[in-house]
Amino acid sequence: MRLVSDLFDPEPVRWGLRGDPWVWRAMGEYLAGTYLPPSVGEVDRLLKATFDRVVGVDLAAESAPWVFREEFAHGGMSSGNVHLETWRTELLPTLVDRARSELDG
């Protein structure tokens, strides 16, 4: 059985803002040792809850395009900024698609 953290490898080529790769890695670490749930819906819920826990933002409720988090600031102009729309439209869907492929395969 696969682990949810396996979904985070490889990392995407594109990010929204400089904080996004750090969130990606933090989520993967947070989910280390967690087995892949049996359904895509459960994976989706788990990933959104993990994002909320790691970033402190509910993607469904937050209307701001981005948020700043000091713990993800590692240098650069947009350092520490997490682009919420990229997480909604690209990064989380990528993880869910990877889970779907794993569960269907």
PDB file of N, CA and C in Angstrom:
ATOM      1  N   MET A   1       0.848  -1.189   0.000  1.00  0.00           N
ATOM      2  CA  MET A   1       0.000   0.000   0.000  1.00  0.00           C
ATOM      3  C   MET A   1       0.886   1.242   0.000  1.00  0.00           C
ATOM      4  N   ARG A   2       0.478   2.215  -0.761  1.00  0.00           N
ATOM      5  CA  ARG A   2       1.262   3.450  -0.877  1.00  0.00           C
ATOM      6  C   ARG A   2       0.948   4.431   0.242  1.00  0.00           C
ATOM      7  N   LEU A   3       1.886   5.325   0.429  1.00  0.00           N
ATOM      8  CA  LEU A   3       1.727   6.395   1.405  1.00  0.00           C
ATOM      9  C   LEU A   3       1.299   7.676   0.696  1.00  0.00           C
ATOM     10  N   VAL A   4       0.551   8.511   1.380  1.00  0.00           N
ATOM     11  CA  VAL A   4       0.127   9.782   0.809  1.00  0.00           C
ATOM     12  C   VAL A   4       1.356  10.624   0.463  1.00  0.00           C
ATOM     13  N   SER A   5       2.386  10.558   1.271  1.00  0.00           N
ATOM     14  CA  SER A   5       3.591  11.351   1.015  1.00  0.00           C
ATOM     15  C   SER A   5       4.250  10.985  -0.317  1.00  0.00           C
ATOM     16  N   ASP A   6       3.997   9.775  -0.841  1.00  0.00           N
ATOM     17  CA  ASP A   6       4.542   9.388  -2.148  1.00  0.00           C
ATOM     18  C   ASP A   6       3.973  10.250  -3.277  1.00  0.00           C
ATOM     19  N   LEU A   7       2.790  10.802  -3.077  1.00  0.00           N
ATOM     20  CA  LEU A   7       2.151  11.626  -4.099  1.00  0.00           C
ATOM     21  C   LEU A   7       2.932  12.916  -4.363  1.00  0.00           C
ATOM     22  N   PHE A   8       3.772  13.320  -3.420  1.00  0.00           N
ATOM     23  CA  PHE A   8       4.494  14.580  -3.506  1.00  0.00           C
ATOM     24  C   PHE A   8       5.795  14.481  -4.315  1.00  0.00           C
ATOM     25  N   ASP A   9       6.082  13.310  -4.844  1.00  0.00           N
ATOM     26  CA  ASP A   9       7.290  13.110  -5.644  1.00  0.00           C
ATOM     27  C   ASP A   9       6.916  12.599  -7.018  1.00  0.00           C
ATOM     28  N   PRO A  10       7.265  13.320  -8.072  1.00  0.00           N
ATOM     29  CA  PRO A  10       8.157  14.479  -8.129  1.00  0.00           C
ATOM     30  C   PRO A  10       7.432  15.794  -7.846  1.00  0.00           C
ATOM     31  N   GLU A  11       8.221  16.801  -7.538  1.00  0.00           N
ATOM     32  CA  GLU A  11       7.663  18.134  -7.342  1.00  0.00           C
ATOM     33  C   GLU A  11       7.257  18.727  -8.692  1.00  0.00           C
ATOM     34  N   PRO A  12       6.272  19.615  -8.680  1.00  0.00           N
ATOM     35  CA  PRO A  12       5.882  20.292  -9.927  1.00  0.00           C
ATOM     36  C   PRO A  12       7.018  21.165 -10.468  1.00  0.00           C
ATOM     37  N   VAL A  13       6.945  21.468 -11.734  1.00  0.00           N
ATOM     38  CA  VAL A  13       7.926  22.345 -12.369  1.00  0.00           C
ATOM     39  C   VAL A  13       7.561  23.805 -12.119  1.00  0.00           C
ATOM     40  N   ARG A  14       6.255  24.096 -12.061  1.00  0.00           N
ATOM     41  CA  ARG A  14       5.766  25.472 -11.885  1.00  0.00           C
ATOM     42  C   ARG A  14       5.118  25.656 -10.523  1.00  0.00           C
ATOM     43  N   TRP A  15       5.338  26.848  -9.965  1.00  0.00           N
ATOM     44  CA  TRP A  15       4.731  27.238  -8.695  1.00  0.00           C
ATOM     45  C   TRP A  15       4.041  28.581  -8.888  1.00  0.00           C
ATOM     46  N   GLY A  16       3.198  28.966  -7.945  1.00  0.00           N
ATOM     47  CA  GLY A  16       2.575  30.282  -7.993  1.00  0.00           C
ATOM     48  C   GLY A  16       3.484  31.345  -7.402  1.00  0.00           C
ATOM     49  N   LEU A  17       3.917  31.150  -6.155  1.00  0.00           N
ATOM     50  CA  LEU A  17       4.808  32.076  -5.456  1.00  0.00           C
ATOM     51  C   LEU A  17       5.887  31.272  -4.725  1.00  0.00           C
ATOM     52  N   ARG A  18       6.875  31.981  -4.220  1.00  0.00           N
ATOM     53  CA  ARG A  18       8.059  31.308  -3.646  1.00  0.00           C
ATOM     54  C   ARG A  18       7.777  30.468  -2.401  1.00  0.00           C
ATOM     55  N   GLY A  19       6.694  30.737  -1.713  1.00  0.00           N
ATOM     56  CA  GLY A  19       6.376  29.927  -0.544  1.00  0.00           C
ATOM     57  C   GLY A  19       5.780  28.569  -0.900  1.00  0.00           C
ATOM     58  N   ASP A  20       5.265  28.429  -2.132  1.00  0.00           N
ATOM     59  CA  ASP A  20       4.566  27.204  -2.521  1.00  0.00           C
ATOM     60  C   ASP A  20       5.412  25.932  -2.425  1.00  0.00           C
ATOM     61  N   PRO A  21       6.675  25.920  -2.884  1.00  0.00           N
ATOM     62  CA  PRO A  21       7.451  24.679  -2.751  1.00  0.00           C
ATOM     63  C   PRO A  21       7.676  24.266  -1.294  1.00  0.00           C
ATOM     64  N   TRP A  22       7.789  25.262  -0.428  1.00  0.00           N
ATOM     65  CA  TRP A  22       7.992  24.966   0.991  1.00  0.00           C
ATOM     66  C   TRP A  22       6.724  24.371   1.604  1.00  0.00           C
ATOM     67  N   VAL A  23       5.563  24.853   1.165  1.00  0.00           N
ATOM     68  CA  VAL A  23       4.293  24.268   1.625  1.00  0.00           C
ATOM     69  C   VAL A  23       4.186  22.831   1.117  1.00  0.00           C
ATOM     70  N   TRP A  24       4.522  22.612  -0.156  1.00  0.00           N
ATOM     71  CA  TRP A  24       4.491  21.277  -0.759  1.00  0.00           C
ATOM     72  C   TRP A  24       5.302  20.299   0.088  1.00  0.00           C
ATOM     73  N   ARG A  25       6.520  20.697   0.413  1.00  0.00           N
ATOM     74  CA  ARG A  25       7.418  19.831   1.196  1.00  0.00           C
ATOM     75  C   ARG A  25       6.894  19.628   2.613  1.00  0.00           C
ATOM     76  N   ALA A  26       6.366  20.702   3.220  1.00  0.00           N
ATOM     77  CA  ALA A  26       5.831  20.594   4.580  1.00  0.00           C
ATOM     78  C   ALA A  26       4.624  19.657   4.620  1.00  0.00           C
ATOM     79  N   MET A  27       3.782  19.719   3.606  1.00  0.00           N
ATOM     80  CA  MET A  27       2.627  18.820   3.551  1.00  0.00           C
ATOM     81  C   MET A  27       3.082  17.372   3.395  1.00  0.00           C
ATOM     82  N   GLY A  28       4.062  17.143   2.532  1.00  0.00           N
ATOM     83  CA  GLY A  28       4.586  15.795   2.353  1.00  0.00           C
ATOM     84  C   GLY A  28       5.160  15.238   3.646  1.00  0.00           C
ATOM     85  N   GLU A  29       5.886  16.084   4.370  1.00  0.00           N
ATOM     86  CA  GLU A  29       6.458  15.660   5.658  1.00  0.00           C
ATOM     87  C   GLU A  29       5.358  15.408   6.682  1.00  0.00           C
ATOM     88  N   TYR A  30       4.361  16.281   6.707  1.00  0.00           N
ATOM     89  CA  TYR A  30       3.250  16.126   7.651  1.00  0.00           C
ATOM     90  C   TYR A  30       2.523  14.795   7.428  1.00  0.00           C
ATOM     91  N   LEU A  31       2.419  14.383   6.169  1.00  0.00           N
ATOM     92  CA  LEU A  31       1.678  13.168   5.817  1.00  0.00           C
ATOM     93  C   LEU A  31       2.555  11.914   5.768  1.00  0.00           C
ATOM     94  N   ALA A  32       3.829  12.052   6.107  1.00  0.00           N
ATOM     95  CA  ALA A  32       4.723  10.895   6.107  1.00  0.00           C
ATOM     96  C   ALA A  32       4.163   9.821   7.036  1.00  0.00           C
ATOM     97  N   GLY A  33       4.096   8.607   6.538  1.00  0.00           N
ATOM     98  CA  GLY A  33       3.567   7.502   7.329  1.00  0.00           C
ATOM     99  C   GLY A  33       2.062   7.323   7.233  1.00  0.00           C
ATOM    100  N   THR A  34       1.368   8.222   6.531  1.00  0.00           N
ATOM    101  CA  THR A  34      -0.079   8.126   6.361  1.00  0.00           C
ATOM    102  C   THR A  34      -0.373   7.325   5.092  1.00  0.00           C
ATOM    103  N   TYR A  35      -1.141   6.262   5.239  1.00  0.00           N
ATOM    104  CA  TYR A  35      -1.491   5.445   4.077  1.00  0.00           C
ATOM    105  C   TYR A  35      -2.519   6.138   3.202  1.00  0.00           C
ATOM    106  N   LEU A  36      -2.435   5.874   1.919  1.00  0.00           N
ATOM    107  CA  LEU A  36      -3.363   6.436   0.949  1.00  0.00           C
ATOM    108  C   LEU A  36      -4.780   5.952   1.266  1.00  0.00           C
ATOM    109  N   PRO A  37      -5.727   6.868   1.477  1.00  0.00           N
ATOM    110  CA  PRO A  37      -7.110   6.449   1.718  1.00  0.00           C
ATOM    111  C   PRO A  37      -7.672   5.691   0.514  1.00  0.00           C
ATOM    112  N   PRO A  38      -8.730   4.916   0.718  1.00  0.00           N
ATOM    113  CA  PRO A  38      -9.250   4.067  -0.354  1.00  0.00           C
ATOM    114  C   PRO A  38     -10.044   4.780  -1.445  1.00  0.00           C
ATOM    115  N   SER A  39     -10.401   6.060  -1.242  1.00  0.00           N
ATOM    116  CA  SER A  39     -11.178   6.759  -2.277  1.00  0.00           C
ATOM    117  C   SER A  39     -10.561   8.114  -2.584  1.00  0.00           C
ATOM    118  N   VAL A  40     -10.806   8.581  -3.791  1.00  0.00           N
ATOM    119  CA  VAL A  40     -10.300   9.883  -4.229  1.00  0.00           C
ATOM    120  C   VAL A  40     -10.906  10.997  -3.373  1.00  0.00           C
ATOM    121  N   GLY A  41     -12.172  10.869  -3.029  1.00  0.00           N
ATOM    122  CA  GLY A  41     -12.818  11.880  -2.194  1.00  0.00           C
ATOM    123  C   GLY A  41     -12.146  12.011  -0.838  1.00  0.00           C
ATOM    124  N   GLU A  42     -11.772  10.884  -0.249  1.00  0.00           N
ATOM    125  CA  GLU A  42     -11.080  10.913   1.043  1.00  0.00           C
ATOM    126  C   GLU A  42      -9.692  11.529   0.909  1.00  0.00           C
ATOM    127  N   VAL A  43      -9.013  11.233  -0.187  1.00  0.00           N
ATOM    128  CA  VAL A  43      -7.696  11.836  -0.435  1.00  0.00           C
ATOM    129  C   VAL A  43      -7.845  13.351  -0.559  1.00  0.00           C
ATOM    130  N   ASP A  44      -8.829  13.789  -1.320  1.00  0.00           N
ATOM    131  CA  ASP A  44      -9.075  15.222  -1.508  1.00  0.00           C
ATOM    132  C   ASP A  44      -9.325  15.907  -0.167  1.00  0.00           C
ATOM    133  N   ARG A  45     -10.171  15.333   0.654  1.00  0.00           N
ATOM    134  CA  ARG A  45     -10.472  15.908   1.976  1.00  0.00           C
ATOM    135  C   ARG A  45      -9.219  15.948   2.851  1.00  0.00           C
ATOM    136  N   LEU A  46      -8.442  14.875   2.825  1.00  0.00           N
ATOM    137  CA  LEU A  46      -7.219  14.807   3.621  1.00  0.00           C
ATOM    138  C   LEU A  46      -6.222  15.883   3.190  1.00  0.00           C
ATOM    139  N   LEU A  47      -6.048  16.050   1.885  1.00  0.00           N
ATOM    140  CA  LEU A  47      -5.105  17.048   1.386  1.00  0.00           C
ATOM    141  C   LEU A  47      -5.546  18.467   1.743  1.00  0.00           C
ATOM    142  N   LYS A  48      -6.840  18.757   1.620  1.00  0.00           N
ATOM    143  CA  LYS A  48      -7.337  20.090   1.973  1.00  0.00           C
ATOM    144  C   LYS A  48      -7.197  20.350   3.465  1.00  0.00           C
ATOM    145  N   ALA A  49      -7.468  19.344   4.280  1.00  0.00           N
ATOM    146  CA  ALA A  49      -7.306  19.491   5.733  1.00  0.00           C
ATOM    147  C   ALA A  49      -5.837  19.680   6.099  1.00  0.00           C
ATOM    148  N   THR A  50      -4.961  18.994   5.389  1.00  0.00           N
ATOM    149  CA  THR A  50      -3.528  19.132   5.645  1.00  0.00           C
ATOM    150  C   THR A  50      -3.048  20.517   5.245  1.00  0.00           C
ATOM    151  N   PHE A  51      -3.512  21.024   4.104  1.00  0.00           N
ATOM    152  CA  PHE A  51      -3.168  22.381   3.691  1.00  0.00           C
ATOM    153  C   PHE A  51      -3.622  23.373   4.760  1.00  0.00           C
ATOM    154  N   ASP A  52      -4.837  23.222   5.243  1.00  0.00           N
ATOM    155  CA  ASP A  52      -5.387  24.089   6.280  1.00  0.00           C
ATOM    156  C   ASP A  52      -4.496  24.042   7.525  1.00  0.00           C
ATOM    157  N   ARG A  53      -4.074  22.851   7.904  1.00  0.00           N
ATOM    158  CA  ARG A  53      -3.233  22.669   9.094  1.00  0.00           C
ATOM    159  C   ARG A  53      -1.846  23.300   8.903  1.00  0.00           C
ATOM    160  N   VAL A  54      -1.241  23.050   7.735  1.00  0.00           N
ATOM    161  CA  VAL A  54       0.130  23.514   7.479  1.00  0.00           C
ATOM    162  C   VAL A  54       0.181  25.023   7.239  1.00  0.00           C
ATOM    163  N   VAL A  55      -0.779  25.546   6.480  1.00  0.00           N
ATOM    164  CA  VAL A  55      -0.765  26.961   6.100  1.00  0.00           C
ATOM    165  C   VAL A  55      -1.661  27.809   7.006  1.00  0.00           C
ATOM    166  N   GLY A  56      -2.651  27.172   7.618  1.00  0.00           N
ATOM    167  CA  GLY A  56      -3.574  27.912   8.463  1.00  0.00           C
ATOM    168  C   GLY A  56      -4.643  28.633   7.670  1.00  0.00           C
ATOM    169  N   VAL A  57      -4.986  28.074   6.499  1.00  0.00           N
ATOM    170  CA  VAL A  57      -5.980  28.699   5.620  1.00  0.00           C
ATOM    171  C   VAL A  57      -6.936  27.635   5.095  1.00  0.00           C
ATOM    172  N   ASP A  58      -8.219  27.913   5.185  1.00  0.00           N
ATOM    173  CA  ASP A  58      -9.232  27.069   4.576  1.00  0.00           C
ATOM    174  C   ASP A  58      -9.415  27.560   3.134  1.00  0.00           C
ATOM    175  N   LEU A  59      -8.956  26.766   2.178  1.00  0.00           N
ATOM    176  CA  LEU A  59      -9.009  27.183   0.771  1.00  0.00           C
ATOM    177  C   LEU A  59     -10.425  27.468   0.287  1.00  0.00           C
ATOM    178  N   ALA A  60     -11.412  26.798   0.848  1.00  0.00           N
ATOM    179  CA  ALA A  60     -12.794  27.005   0.423  1.00  0.00           C
ATOM    180  C   ALA A  60     -13.354  28.333   0.937  1.00  0.00           C
ATOM    181  N   ALA A  61     -12.838  28.813   2.050  1.00  0.00           N
ATOM    182  CA  ALA A  61     -13.389  30.014   2.673  1.00  0.00           C
ATOM    183  C   ALA A  61     -12.571  31.276   2.403  1.00  0.00           C
ATOM    184  N   GLU A  62     -11.274  31.140   2.170  1.00  0.00           N
ATOM    185  CA  GLU A  62     -10.395  32.295   2.009  1.00  0.00           C
ATOM    186  C   GLU A  62     -10.517  32.893   0.608  1.00  0.00           C
ATOM    187  N   SER A  63     -10.763  34.203   0.544  1.00  0.00           N
ATOM    188  CA  SER A  63     -10.914  34.853  -0.758  1.00  0.00           C
ATOM    189  C   SER A  63      -9.650  35.581  -1.210  1.00  0.00           C
ATOM    190  N   ALA A  64      -8.684  35.762  -0.327  1.00  0.00           N
ATOM    191  CA  ALA A  64      -7.437  36.438  -0.705  1.00  0.00           C
ATOM    192  C   ALA A  64      -6.693  35.596  -1.744  1.00  0.00           C
ATOM    193  N   PRO A  65      -6.001  36.244  -2.692  1.00  0.00           N
ATOM    194  CA  PRO A  65      -5.273  35.479  -3.705  1.00  0.00           C
ATOM    195  C   PRO A  65      -4.031  34.792  -3.165  1.00  0.00           C
ATOM    196  N   TRP A  66      -3.480  35.336  -2.084  1.00  0.00           N
ATOM    197  CA  TRP A  66      -2.282  34.760  -1.492  1.00  0.00           C
ATOM    198  C   TRP A  66      -2.217  35.138  -0.018  1.00  0.00           C
ATOM    199  N   VAL A  67      -1.389  34.413   0.730  1.00  0.00           N
ATOM    200  CA  VAL A  67      -1.149  34.715   2.138  1.00  0.00           C
ATOM    201  C   VAL A  67       0.354  34.647   2.400  1.00  0.00           C
ATOM    202  N   PHE A  68       0.799  35.392   3.382  1.00  0.00           N
ATOM    203  CA  PHE A  68       2.205  35.356   3.780  1.00  0.00           C
ATOM    204  C   PHE A  68       2.335  34.506   5.036  1.00  0.00           C
ATOM    205  N   ARG A  69       3.321  33.610   5.027  1.00  0.00           N
ATOM    206  CA  ARG A  69       3.630  32.797   6.200  1.00  0.00           C
ATOM    207  C   ARG A  69       5.137  32.842   6.422  1.00  0.00           C
ATOM    208  N   GLU A  70       5.532  33.388   7.548  1.00  0.00           N
ATOM    209  CA  GLU A  70       6.950  33.554   7.889  1.00  0.00           C
ATOM    210  C   GLU A  70       7.732  32.246   7.798  1.00  0.00           C
ATOM    211  N   GLU A  71       7.114  31.143   8.205  1.00  0.00           N
ATOM    212  CA  GLU A  71       7.836  29.864   8.221  1.00  0.00           C
ATOM    213  C   GLU A  71       8.207  29.367   6.819  1.00  0.00           C
ATOM    214  N   PHE A  72       7.612  29.948   5.792  1.00  0.00           N
ATOM    215  CA  PHE A  72       7.926  29.554   4.416  1.00  0.00           C
ATOM    216  C   PHE A  72       8.754  30.626   3.691  1.00  0.00           C
ATOM    217  N   ALA A  73       9.273  31.594   4.452  1.00  0.00           N
ATOM    218  CA  ALA A  73      10.104  32.652   3.881  1.00  0.00           C
ATOM    219  C   ALA A  73      11.570  32.215   3.923  1.00  0.00           C
ATOM    220  N   HIS A  74      12.129  31.988   2.742  1.00  0.00           N
ATOM    221  CA  HIS A  74      13.511  31.521   2.642  1.00  0.00           C
ATOM    222  C   HIS A  74      14.316  32.351   1.655  1.00  0.00           C
ATOM    223  N   GLY A  75      13.921  33.600   1.444  1.00  0.00           N
ATOM    224  CA  GLY A  75      14.660  34.497   0.571  1.00  0.00           C
ATOM    225  C   GLY A  75      13.966  34.719  -0.762  1.00  0.00           C
ATOM    226  N   GLY A  76      14.156  35.896  -1.319  1.00  0.00           N
ATOM    227  CA  GLY A  76      13.535  36.237  -2.600  1.00  0.00           C
ATOM    228  C   GLY A  76      12.379  37.197  -2.403  1.00  0.00           C
ATOM    229  N   MET A  77      11.976  37.816  -3.501  1.00  0.00           N
ATOM    230  CA  MET A  77      10.982  38.884  -3.439  1.00  0.00           C
ATOM    231  C   MET A  77       9.618  38.416  -2.934  1.00  0.00           C
ATOM    232  N   SER A  78       9.133  37.264  -3.363  1.00  0.00           N
ATOM    233  CA  SER A  78       7.816  36.798  -2.898  1.00  0.00           C
ATOM    234  C   SER A  78       7.963  35.696  -1.847  1.00  0.00           C
ATOM    235  N   SER A  79       9.120  35.652  -1.212  1.00  0.00           N
ATOM    236  CA  SER A  79       9.397  34.621  -0.230  1.00  0.00           C
ATOM    237  C   SER A  79       8.353  34.617   0.888  1.00  0.00           C
ATOM    238  N   GLY A  80       7.887  33.435   1.227  1.00  0.00           N
ATOM    239  CA  GLY A  80       6.896  33.299   2.281  1.00  0.00           C
ATOM    240  C   GLY A  80       5.462  33.459   1.819  1.00  0.00           C
ATOM    241  N   ASN A  81       5.280  33.865   0.570  1.00  0.00           N
ATOM    242  CA  ASN A  81       3.932  34.032   0.045  1.00  0.00           C
ATOM    243  C   ASN A  81       3.449  32.730  -0.585  1.00  0.00           C
ATOM    244  N   VAL A  82       2.242  32.349  -0.226  1.00  0.00           N
ATOM    245  CA  VAL A  82       1.613  31.124  -0.711  1.00  0.00           C
ATOM    246  C   VAL A  82       0.458  31.534  -1.612  1.00  0.00           C
ATOM    247  N   HIS A  83       0.499  31.104  -2.869  1.00  0.00           N
ATOM    248  CA  HIS A  83      -0.513  31.502  -3.850  1.00  0.00           C
ATOM    249  C   HIS A  83      -1.695  30.532  -3.780  1.00  0.00           C
ATOM    250  N   LEU A  84      -2.765  30.959  -3.165  1.00  0.00           N
ATOM    251  CA  LEU A  84      -3.909  30.087  -2.897  1.00  0.00           C
ATOM    252  C   LEU A  84      -4.581  29.598  -4.177  1.00  0.00           C
ATOM    253  N   GLU A  85      -4.675  30.465  -5.174  1.00  0.00           N
ATOM    254  CA  GLU A  85      -5.336  30.057  -6.420  1.00  0.00           C
ATOM    255  C   GLU A  85      -4.554  28.944  -7.116  1.00  0.00           C
ATOM    256  N   THR A  86      -3.236  29.007  -7.077  1.00  0.00           N
ATOM    257  CA  THR A  86      -2.424  27.930  -7.659  1.00  0.00           C
ATOM    258  C   THR A  86      -2.662  26.627  -6.910  1.00  0.00           C
ATOM    259  N   TRP A  87      -2.816  26.712  -5.614  1.00  0.00           N
ATOM    260  CA  TRP A  87      -3.108  25.493  -4.840  1.00  0.00           C
ATOM    261  C   TRP A  87      -4.478  24.940  -5.204  1.00  0.00           C
ATOM    262  N   ARG A  88      -5.455  25.838  -5.389  1.00  0.00           N
ATOM    263  CA  ARG A  88      -6.811  25.388  -5.732  1.00  0.00           C
ATOM    264  C   ARG A  88      -6.874  24.766  -7.127  1.00  0.00           C
ATOM    265  N   THR A  89      -6.222  25.398  -8.101  1.00  0.00           N
ATOM    266  CA  THR A  89      -6.415  25.014  -9.498  1.00  0.00           C
ATOM    267  C   THR A  89      -5.339  24.103 -10.067  1.00  0.00           C
ATOM    268  N   GLU A  90      -4.161  24.052  -9.444  1.00  0.00           N
ATOM    269  CA  GLU A  90      -3.082  23.248 -10.012  1.00  0.00           C
ATOM    270  C   GLU A  90      -2.473  22.236  -9.033  1.00  0.00           C
ATOM    271  N   LEU A  91      -2.018  22.723  -7.879  1.00  0.00           N
ATOM    272  CA  LEU A  91      -1.216  21.862  -7.016  1.00  0.00           C
ATOM    273  C   LEU A  91      -2.034  20.771  -6.320  1.00  0.00           C
ATOM    274  N   LEU A  92      -3.126  21.143  -5.666  1.00  0.00           N
ATOM    275  CA  LEU A  92      -3.963  20.103  -5.057  1.00  0.00           C
ATOM    276  C   LEU A  92      -4.571  19.177  -6.103  1.00  0.00           C
ATOM    277  N   PRO A  93      -5.093  19.705  -7.232  1.00  0.00           N
ATOM    278  CA  PRO A  93      -5.589  18.795  -8.270  1.00  0.00           C
ATOM    279  C   PRO A  93      -4.510  17.835  -8.806  1.00  0.00           C
ATOM    280  N   THR A  94      -3.269  18.284  -8.870  1.00  0.00           N
ATOM    281  CA  THR A  94      -2.184  17.395  -9.297  1.00  0.00           C
ATOM    282  C   THR A  94      -2.051  16.230  -8.327  1.00  0.00           C
ATOM    283  N   LEU A  95      -2.082  16.528  -7.036  1.00  0.00           N
ATOM    284  CA  LEU A  95      -1.969  15.471  -6.029  1.00  0.00           C
ATOM    285  C   LEU A  95      -3.160  14.514  -6.089  1.00  0.00           C
ATOM    286  N   VAL A  96      -4.349  15.070  -6.270  1.00  0.00           N
ATOM    287  CA  VAL A  96      -5.553  14.230  -6.369  1.00  0.00           C
ATOM    288  C   VAL A  96      -5.481  13.355  -7.618  1.00  0.00           C
ATOM    289  N   ASP A  97      -5.023  13.903  -8.735  1.00  0.00           N
ATOM    290  CA  ASP A  97      -4.871  13.103  -9.961  1.00  0.00           C
ATOM    291  C   ASP A  97      -3.865  11.974  -9.760  1.00  0.00           C
ATOM    292  N   ARG A  98      -2.787  12.260  -9.065  1.00  0.00           N
ATOM    293  CA  ARG A  98      -1.802  11.207  -8.778  1.00  0.00           C
ATOM    294  C   ARG A  98      -2.421  10.117  -7.914  1.00  0.00           C
ATOM    295  N   ALA A  99      -3.237  10.504  -6.943  1.00  0.00           N
ATOM    296  CA  ALA A  99      -3.911   9.523  -6.098  1.00  0.00           C
ATOM    297  C   ALA A  99      -4.893   8.704  -6.932  1.00  0.00           C
ATOM    298  N   ARG A 100      -5.628   9.358  -7.816  1.00  0.00           N
ATOM    299  CA  ARG A 100      -6.592   8.667  -8.682  1.00  0.00           C
ATOM    300  C   ARG A 100      -5.874   7.607  -9.522  1.00  0.00           C
ATOM    301  N   SER A 101      -4.744   7.973 -10.093  1.00  0.00           N
ATOM    302  CA  SER A 101      -3.962   7.028 -10.903  1.00  0.00           C
ATOM    303  C   SER A 101      -3.517   5.827 -10.064  1.00  0.00           C
ATOM    304  N   GLU A 102      -3.119   6.105  -8.846  1.00  0.00           N
ATOM    305  CA  GLU A 102      -2.667   5.043  -7.952  1.00  0.00           C
ATOM    306  C   GLU A 102      -3.824   4.129  -7.568  1.00  0.00           C
ATOM    307  N   LEU A 103      -4.968   4.739  -7.242  1.00  0.00           N
ATOM    308  CA  LEU A 103      -6.122   3.947  -6.803  1.00  0.00           C
ATOM    309  C   LEU A 103      -6.751   3.165  -7.940  1.00  0.00           C
ATOM    310  N   ASP A 104      -6.733   3.727  -9.155  1.00  0.00           N
ATOM    311  CA  ASP A 104      -7.303   3.056 -10.320  1.00  0.00           C
ATOM    312  C   ASP A 104      -6.366   1.971 -10.873  1.00  0.00           C
ATOM    313  N   GLY A 105      -5.050   2.170 -10.622  1.00  0.00           N
ATOM    314  CA  GLY A 105      -4.054   1.254 -11.189  1.00  0.00           C
ATOM    315  C   GLY A 105      -3.910   0.058 -10.371  1.00  0.00           C
TER     316      GLY A 105
END
